[in-house]
């Protein structure tokens, strides 16, 4: 796959994610609220580390990329 096609596919994917976040936010409402996501809140600071959410996203993206780009 050429670089140009990869950039076009990436742009389309980003546009679709933008549309989903804008018009169907309930589809991604789970992100950051899973057990295992670290949330430390103080009166002056806030730290958020989405460990489990990022692990699930990594697994999903790995499966999708392997399905579409396997040679």
PDB file of N, CA and C in Angstrom:
ATOM      1  N   UNK A   1       0.852  -1.171   0.000  1.00  0.00           N
ATOM      2  CA  UNK A   1       0.000   0.000   0.000  1.00  0.00           C
ATOM      3  C   UNK A   1       0.898   1.234   0.000  1.00  0.00           C
ATOM      4  N   UNK A   2       0.553   2.169  -0.829  1.00  0.00           N
ATOM      5  CA  UNK A   2       1.365   3.372  -0.931  1.00  0.00           C
ATOM      6  C   UNK A   2       1.050   4.336   0.205  1.00  0.00           C
ATOM      7  N   UNK A   3       1.930   5.280   0.370  1.00  0.00           N
ATOM      8  CA  UNK A   3       1.772   6.258   1.440  1.00  0.00           C
ATOM      9  C   UNK A   3       0.525   7.115   1.228  1.00  0.00           C
ATOM     10  N   UNK A   4       0.253   7.466  -0.010  1.00  0.00           N
ATOM     11  CA  UNK A   4      -0.928   8.280  -0.310  1.00  0.00           C
ATOM     12  C   UNK A   4      -2.226   7.598   0.072  1.00  0.00           C
ATOM     13  N   UNK A   5      -2.342   6.317  -0.253  1.00  0.00           N
ATOM     14  CA  UNK A   5      -3.551   5.573   0.104  1.00  0.00           C
ATOM     15  C   UNK A   5      -3.689   5.445   1.616  1.00  0.00           C
ATOM     16  N   UNK A   6      -2.566   5.243   2.289  1.00  0.00           N
ATOM     17  CA  UNK A   6      -2.593   5.115   3.750  1.00  0.00           C
ATOM     18  C   UNK A   6      -3.057   6.418   4.397  1.00  0.00           C
ATOM     19  N   UNK A   7      -2.601   7.548   3.878  1.00  0.00           N
ATOM     20  CA  UNK A   7      -3.018   8.849   4.417  1.00  0.00           C
ATOM     21  C   UNK A   7      -4.506   9.085   4.169  1.00  0.00           C
ATOM     22  N   UNK A   8      -5.005   8.687   2.997  1.00  0.00           N
ATOM     23  CA  UNK A   8      -6.425   8.836   2.700  1.00  0.00           C
ATOM     24  C   UNK A   8      -7.266   7.983   3.644  1.00  0.00           C
ATOM     25  N   UNK A   9      -6.866   6.738   3.863  1.00  0.00           N
ATOM     26  CA  UNK A   9      -7.599   5.852   4.771  1.00  0.00           C
ATOM     27  C   UNK A   9      -7.567   6.398   6.191  1.00  0.00           C
ATOM     28  N   UNK A  10      -6.424   6.905   6.622  1.00  0.00           N
ATOM     29  CA  UNK A  10      -6.307   7.493   7.960  1.00  0.00           C
ATOM     30  C   UNK A  10      -7.216   8.717   8.095  1.00  0.00           C
ATOM     31  N   UNK A  11      -7.268   9.548   7.060  1.00  0.00           N
ATOM     32  CA  UNK A  11      -8.144  10.721   7.080  1.00  0.00           C
ATOM     33  C   UNK A  11      -9.609  10.347   7.165  1.00  0.00           C
ATOM     34  N   UNK A  12     -10.007   9.324   6.412  1.00  0.00           N
ATOM     35  CA  UNK A  12     -11.399   8.861   6.460  1.00  0.00           C
ATOM     36  C   UNK A  12     -11.723   8.299   7.843  1.00  0.00           C
ATOM     37  N   UNK A  13     -10.792   7.550   8.434  1.00  0.00           N
ATOM     38  CA  UNK A  13     -11.009   6.993   9.771  1.00  0.00           C
ATOM     39  C   UNK A  13     -11.152   8.106  10.814  1.00  0.00           C
ATOM     40  N   UNK A  14     -10.336   9.134  10.708  1.00  0.00           N
ATOM     41  CA  UNK A  14     -10.428  10.255  11.653  1.00  0.00           C
ATOM     42  C   UNK A  14     -11.760  10.987  11.476  1.00  0.00           C
ATOM     43  N   UNK A  15     -12.198  11.158  10.231  1.00  0.00           N
ATOM     44  CA  UNK A  15     -13.491  11.820   9.982  1.00  0.00           C
ATOM     45  C   UNK A  15     -14.641  10.999  10.557  1.00  0.00           C
ATOM     46  N   UNK A  16     -14.594   9.682  10.399  1.00  0.00           N
ATOM     47  CA  UNK A  16     -15.651   8.820  10.949  1.00  0.00           C
ATOM     48  C   UNK A  16     -15.654   8.893  12.472  1.00  0.00           C
ATOM     49  N   UNK A  17     -14.459   8.882  13.087  1.00  0.00           N
ATOM     50  CA  UNK A  17     -14.409   8.995  14.550  1.00  0.00           C
ATOM     51  C   UNK A  17     -14.963  10.343  15.004  1.00  0.00           C
ATOM     52  N   UNK A  18     -14.675  11.401  14.272  1.00  0.00           N
ATOM     53  CA  UNK A  18     -15.218  12.715  14.606  1.00  0.00           C
ATOM     54  C   UNK A  18     -16.731  12.754  14.522  1.00  0.00           C
ATOM     55  N   UNK A  19     -17.287  12.123  13.484  1.00  0.00           N
ATOM     56  CA  UNK A  19     -18.740  12.066  13.348  1.00  0.00           C
ATOM     57  C   UNK A  19     -19.382  11.264  14.472  1.00  0.00           C
ATOM     58  N   UNK A  20     -18.758  10.149  14.838  1.00  0.00           N
ATOM     59  CA  UNK A  20     -19.298   9.331  15.934  1.00  0.00           C
ATOM     60  C   UNK A  20     -19.272  10.110  17.241  1.00  0.00           C
ATOM     61  N   UNK A  21     -18.183  10.791  17.514  1.00  0.00           N
ATOM     62  CA  UNK A  21     -18.084  11.556  18.764  1.00  0.00           C
ATOM     63  C   UNK A  21     -19.081  12.713  18.769  1.00  0.00           C
ATOM     64  N   UNK A  22     -19.315  13.321  17.609  1.00  0.00           N
ATOM     65  CA  UNK A  22     -20.239  14.459  17.542  1.00  0.00           C
ATOM     66  C   UNK A  22     -21.703  14.053  17.609  1.00  0.00           C
ATOM     67  N   UNK A  23     -22.076  12.997  16.862  1.00  0.00           N
ATOM     68  CA  UNK A  23     -23.488  12.675  16.717  1.00  0.00           C
ATOM     69  C   UNK A  23     -23.943  11.446  17.501  1.00  0.00           C
ATOM     70  N   UNK A  24     -23.014  10.633  17.988  1.00  0.00           N
ATOM     71  CA  UNK A  24     -23.386   9.441  18.765  1.00  0.00           C
ATOM     72  C   UNK A  24     -22.406   9.253  19.925  1.00  0.00           C
ATOM     73  N   UNK A  25     -22.375  10.200  20.854  1.00  0.00           N
ATOM     74  CA  UNK A  25     -21.379  10.114  21.934  1.00  0.00           C
ATOM     75  C   UNK A  25     -21.600   8.932  22.875  1.00  0.00           C
ATOM     76  N   UNK A  26     -22.798   8.363  22.901  1.00  0.00           N
ATOM     77  CA  UNK A  26     -23.048   7.220  23.768  1.00  0.00           C
ATOM     78  C   UNK A  26     -22.268   5.986  23.316  1.00  0.00           C
ATOM     79  N   UNK A  27     -21.805   5.953  22.076  1.00  0.00           N
ATOM     80  CA  UNK A  27     -21.030   4.810  21.599  1.00  0.00           C
ATOM     81  C   UNK A  27     -19.625   4.768  22.204  1.00  0.00           C
ATOM     82  N   UNK A  28     -19.099   5.920  22.597  1.00  0.00           N
ATOM     83  CA  UNK A  28     -17.761   5.977  23.188  1.00  0.00           C
ATOM     84  C   UNK A  28     -17.804   6.461  24.634  1.00  0.00           C
ATOM     85  N   UNK A  29     -18.976   6.417  25.241  1.00  0.00           N
ATOM     86  CA  UNK A  29     -19.153   6.889  26.615  1.00  0.00           C
ATOM     87  C   UNK A  29     -18.446   5.995  27.631  1.00  0.00           C
ATOM     88  N   UNK A  30     -18.183   4.754  27.286  1.00  0.00           N
ATOM     89  CA  UNK A  30     -17.535   3.801  28.186  1.00  0.00           C
ATOM     90  C   UNK A  30     -16.050   4.099  28.366  1.00  0.00           C
ATOM     91  N   UNK A  31     -15.460   4.805  27.416  1.00  0.00           N
ATOM     92  CA  UNK A  31     -14.012   5.020  27.446  1.00  0.00           C
ATOM     93  C   UNK A  31     -13.604   5.830  28.667  1.00  0.00           C
ATOM     94  N   UNK A  32     -12.720   5.281  29.457  1.00  0.00           N
ATOM     95  CA  UNK A  32     -12.233   5.964  30.646  1.00  0.00           C
ATOM     96  C   UNK A  32     -13.000   5.657  31.910  1.00  0.00           C
ATOM     97  N   UNK A  33     -14.016   4.828  31.820  1.00  0.00           N
ATOM     98  CA  UNK A  33     -14.832   4.516  32.997  1.00  0.00           C
ATOM     99  C   UNK A  33     -14.795   3.037  33.353  1.00  0.00           C
ATOM    100  N   UNK A  34     -13.821   2.327  32.828  1.00  0.00           N
ATOM    101  CA  UNK A  34     -13.713   0.902  33.094  1.00  0.00           C
ATOM    102  C   UNK A  34     -12.959   0.641  34.391  1.00  0.00           C
ATOM    103  N   UNK A  35     -13.211  -0.503  35.030  1.00  0.00           N
ATOM    104  CA  UNK A  35     -12.415  -0.855  36.203  1.00  0.00           C
ATOM    105  C   UNK A  35     -10.963  -1.050  35.783  1.00  0.00           C
ATOM    106  N   UNK A  36     -10.070  -0.452  36.488  1.00  0.00           N
ATOM    107  CA  UNK A  36      -8.654  -0.538  36.144  1.00  0.00           C
ATOM    108  C   UNK A  36      -8.113   0.767  35.600  1.00  0.00           C
ATOM    109  N   UNK A  37      -8.996   1.695  35.238  1.00  0.00           N
ATOM    110  CA  UNK A  37      -8.562   3.028  34.844  1.00  0.00           C
ATOM    111  C   UNK A  37      -8.277   3.827  36.114  1.00  0.00           C
ATOM    112  N   UNK A  38      -7.129   4.433  36.154  1.00  0.00           N
ATOM    113  CA  UNK A  38      -6.683   5.134  37.372  1.00  0.00           C
ATOM    114  C   UNK A  38      -7.115   6.594  37.298  1.00  0.00           C
ATOM    115  N   UNK A  39      -7.781   7.030  38.362  1.00  0.00           N
ATOM    116  CA  UNK A  39      -8.262   8.398  38.464  1.00  0.00           C
ATOM    117  C   UNK A  39      -7.869   8.920  39.843  1.00  0.00           C
ATOM    118  N   UNK A  40      -6.958   9.870  39.886  1.00  0.00           N
ATOM    119  CA  UNK A  40      -6.514  10.471  41.144  1.00  0.00           C
ATOM    120  C   UNK A  40      -6.932  11.934  41.121  1.00  0.00           C
ATOM    121  N   UNK A  41      -7.777  12.283  42.072  1.00  0.00           N
ATOM    122  CA  UNK A  41      -8.306  13.648  42.100  1.00  0.00           C
ATOM    123  C   UNK A  41      -8.007  14.270  43.455  1.00  0.00           C
ATOM    124  N   UNK A  42      -7.439  15.437  43.408  1.00  0.00           N
ATOM    125  CA  UNK A  42      -7.112  16.211  44.585  1.00  0.00           C
ATOM    126  C   UNK A  42      -7.877  17.529  44.465  1.00  0.00           C
ATOM    127  N   UNK A  43      -7.832  18.350  45.477  1.00  0.00           N
ATOM    128  CA  UNK A  43      -8.532  19.627  45.383  1.00  0.00           C
ATOM    129  C   UNK A  43      -7.868  20.575  44.390  1.00  0.00           C
ATOM    130  N   UNK A  44      -6.581  20.366  44.088  1.00  0.00           N
ATOM    131  CA  UNK A  44      -5.878  21.248  43.160  1.00  0.00           C
ATOM    132  C   UNK A  44      -5.423  20.551  41.879  1.00  0.00           C
ATOM    133  N   UNK A  45      -5.462  19.251  41.841  1.00  0.00           N
ATOM    134  CA  UNK A  45      -4.964  18.560  40.651  1.00  0.00           C
ATOM    135  C   UNK A  45      -5.823  17.343  40.320  1.00  0.00           C
ATOM    136  N   UNK A  46      -5.634  16.863  39.097  1.00  0.00           N
ATOM    137  CA  UNK A  46      -6.394  15.722  38.606  1.00  0.00           C
ATOM    138  C   UNK A  46      -5.495  14.926  37.670  1.00  0.00           C
ATOM    139  N   UNK A  47      -5.342  13.624  37.936  1.00  0.00           N
ATOM    140  CA  UNK A  47      -4.536  12.741  37.099  1.00  0.00           C
ATOM    141  C   UNK A  47      -5.423  11.594  36.645  1.00  0.00           C
ATOM    142  N   UNK A  48      -5.402  11.334  35.348  1.00  0.00           N
ATOM    143  CA  UNK A  48      -6.222  10.274  34.782  1.00  0.00           C
ATOM    144  C   UNK A  48      -5.347   9.393  33.898  1.00  0.00           C
ATOM    145  N   UNK A  49      -5.298   8.099  34.194  1.00  0.00           N
ATOM    146  CA  UNK A  49      -4.503   7.146  33.426  1.00  0.00           C
ATOM    147  C   UNK A  49      -5.428   6.001  32.997  1.00  0.00           C
ATOM    148  N   UNK A  50      -5.870   6.002  31.730  1.00  0.00           N
ATOM    149  CA  UNK A  50      -6.825   4.981  31.268  1.00  0.00           C
ATOM    150  C   UNK A  50      -6.139   3.682  30.846  1.00  0.00           C
ATOM    151  N   UNK A  51      -5.640   2.910  31.785  1.00  0.00           N
ATOM    152  CA  UNK A  51      -4.887   1.696  31.468  1.00  0.00           C
ATOM    153  C   UNK A  51      -5.742   0.651  30.754  1.00  0.00           C
ATOM    154  N   UNK A  52      -6.855   0.272  31.324  1.00  0.00           N
ATOM    155  CA  UNK A  52      -7.686  -0.792  30.758  1.00  0.00           C
ATOM    156  C   UNK A  52      -8.344  -0.319  29.460  1.00  0.00           C
ATOM    157  N   UNK A  53      -8.775   0.915  29.413  1.00  0.00           N
ATOM    158  CA  UNK A  53      -9.390   1.439  28.185  1.00  0.00           C
ATOM    159  C   UNK A  53      -8.394   1.407  27.025  1.00  0.00           C
ATOM    160  N   UNK A  54      -7.163   1.793  27.271  1.00  0.00           N
ATOM    161  CA  UNK A  54      -6.157   1.786  26.213  1.00  0.00           C
ATOM    162  C   UNK A  54      -5.769   0.363  25.831  1.00  0.00           C
ATOM    163  N   UNK A  55      -5.779  -0.557  26.769  1.00  0.00           N
ATOM    164  CA  UNK A  55      -5.498  -1.959  26.458  1.00  0.00           C
ATOM    165  C   UNK A  55      -6.581  -2.522  25.534  1.00  0.00           C
ATOM    166  N   UNK A  56      -7.828  -2.229  25.821  1.00  0.00           N
ATOM    167  CA  UNK A  56      -8.929  -2.696  24.978  1.00  0.00           C
ATOM    168  C   UNK A  56      -8.856  -2.049  23.595  1.00  0.00           C
ATOM    169  N   UNK A  57      -8.564  -0.758  23.535  1.00  0.00           N
ATOM    170  CA  UNK A  57      -8.423  -0.091  22.236  1.00  0.00           C
ATOM    171  C   UNK A  57      -7.274  -0.686  21.433  1.00  0.00           C
ATOM    172  N   UNK A  58      -6.185  -1.023  22.086  1.00  0.00           N
ATOM    173  CA  UNK A  58      -5.047  -1.635  21.404  1.00  0.00           C
ATOM    174  C   UNK A  58      -5.414  -2.991  20.818  1.00  0.00           C
ATOM    175  N   UNK A  59      -6.146  -3.782  21.576  1.00  0.00           N
ATOM    176  CA  UNK A  59      -6.574  -5.101  21.077  1.00  0.00           C
ATOM    177  C   UNK A  59      -7.517  -4.945  19.886  1.00  0.00           C
ATOM    178  N   UNK A  60      -8.477  -4.031  19.987  1.00  0.00           N
ATOM    179  CA  UNK A  60      -9.428  -3.817  18.893  1.00  0.00           C
ATOM    180  C   UNK A  60      -8.707  -3.335  17.630  1.00  0.00           C
ATOM    181  N   UNK A  61      -7.815  -2.361  17.775  1.00  0.00           N
ATOM    182  CA  UNK A  61      -7.089  -1.851  16.614  1.00  0.00           C
ATOM    183  C   UNK A  61      -6.177  -2.904  16.001  1.00  0.00           C
ATOM    184  N   UNK A  62      -5.555  -3.745  16.824  1.00  0.00           N
ATOM    185  CA  UNK A  62      -4.712  -4.813  16.303  1.00  0.00           C
ATOM    186  C   UNK A  62      -5.516  -5.793  15.474  1.00  0.00           C
ATOM    187  N   UNK A  63      -6.683  -6.177  15.953  1.00  0.00           N
ATOM    188  CA  UNK A  63      -7.535  -7.107  15.208  1.00  0.00           C
ATOM    189  C   UNK A  63      -8.000  -6.473  13.900  1.00  0.00           C
ATOM    190  N   UNK A  64      -8.443  -5.215  13.947  1.00  0.00           N
ATOM    191  CA  UNK A  64      -8.933  -4.550  12.739  1.00  0.00           C
ATOM    192  C   UNK A  64      -7.823  -4.387  11.706  1.00  0.00           C
ATOM    193  N   UNK A  65      -6.656  -3.952  12.140  1.00  0.00           N
ATOM    194  CA  UNK A  65      -5.536  -3.771  11.213  1.00  0.00           C
ATOM    195  C   UNK A  65      -5.119  -5.104  10.605  1.00  0.00           C
ATOM    196  N   UNK A  66      -5.091  -6.163  11.406  1.00  0.00           N
ATOM    197  CA  UNK A  66      -4.723  -7.471  10.864  1.00  0.00           C
ATOM    198  C   UNK A  66      -5.769  -8.005   9.899  1.00  0.00           C
ATOM    199  N   UNK A  67      -7.034  -7.683  10.110  1.00  0.00           N
ATOM    200  CA  UNK A  67      -8.069  -8.137   9.178  1.00  0.00           C
ATOM    201  C   UNK A  67      -7.983  -7.410   7.835  1.00  0.00           C
ATOM    202  N   UNK A  68      -7.725  -6.108   7.850  1.00  0.00           N
ATOM    203  CA  UNK A  68      -7.748  -5.335   6.618  1.00  0.00           C
ATOM    204  C   UNK A  68      -6.412  -5.294   5.883  1.00  0.00           C
ATOM    205  N   UNK A  69      -5.316  -5.357   6.598  1.00  0.00           N
ATOM    206  CA  UNK A  69      -4.013  -5.159   5.958  1.00  0.00           C
ATOM    207  C   UNK A  69      -3.152  -6.416   5.929  1.00  0.00           C
ATOM    208  N   UNK A  70      -3.733  -7.562   6.151  1.00  0.00           N
ATOM    209  CA  UNK A  70      -2.985  -8.807   6.080  1.00  0.00           C
ATOM    210  C   UNK A  70      -2.716  -9.147   4.625  1.00  0.00           C
ATOM    211  N   UNK A  71      -1.506  -9.566   4.346  1.00  0.00           N
ATOM    212  CA  UNK A  71      -1.140  -9.899   2.957  1.00  0.00           C
ATOM    213  C   UNK A  71      -1.139 -11.367   2.732  1.00  0.00           C
TER     214      UNK A  71
END
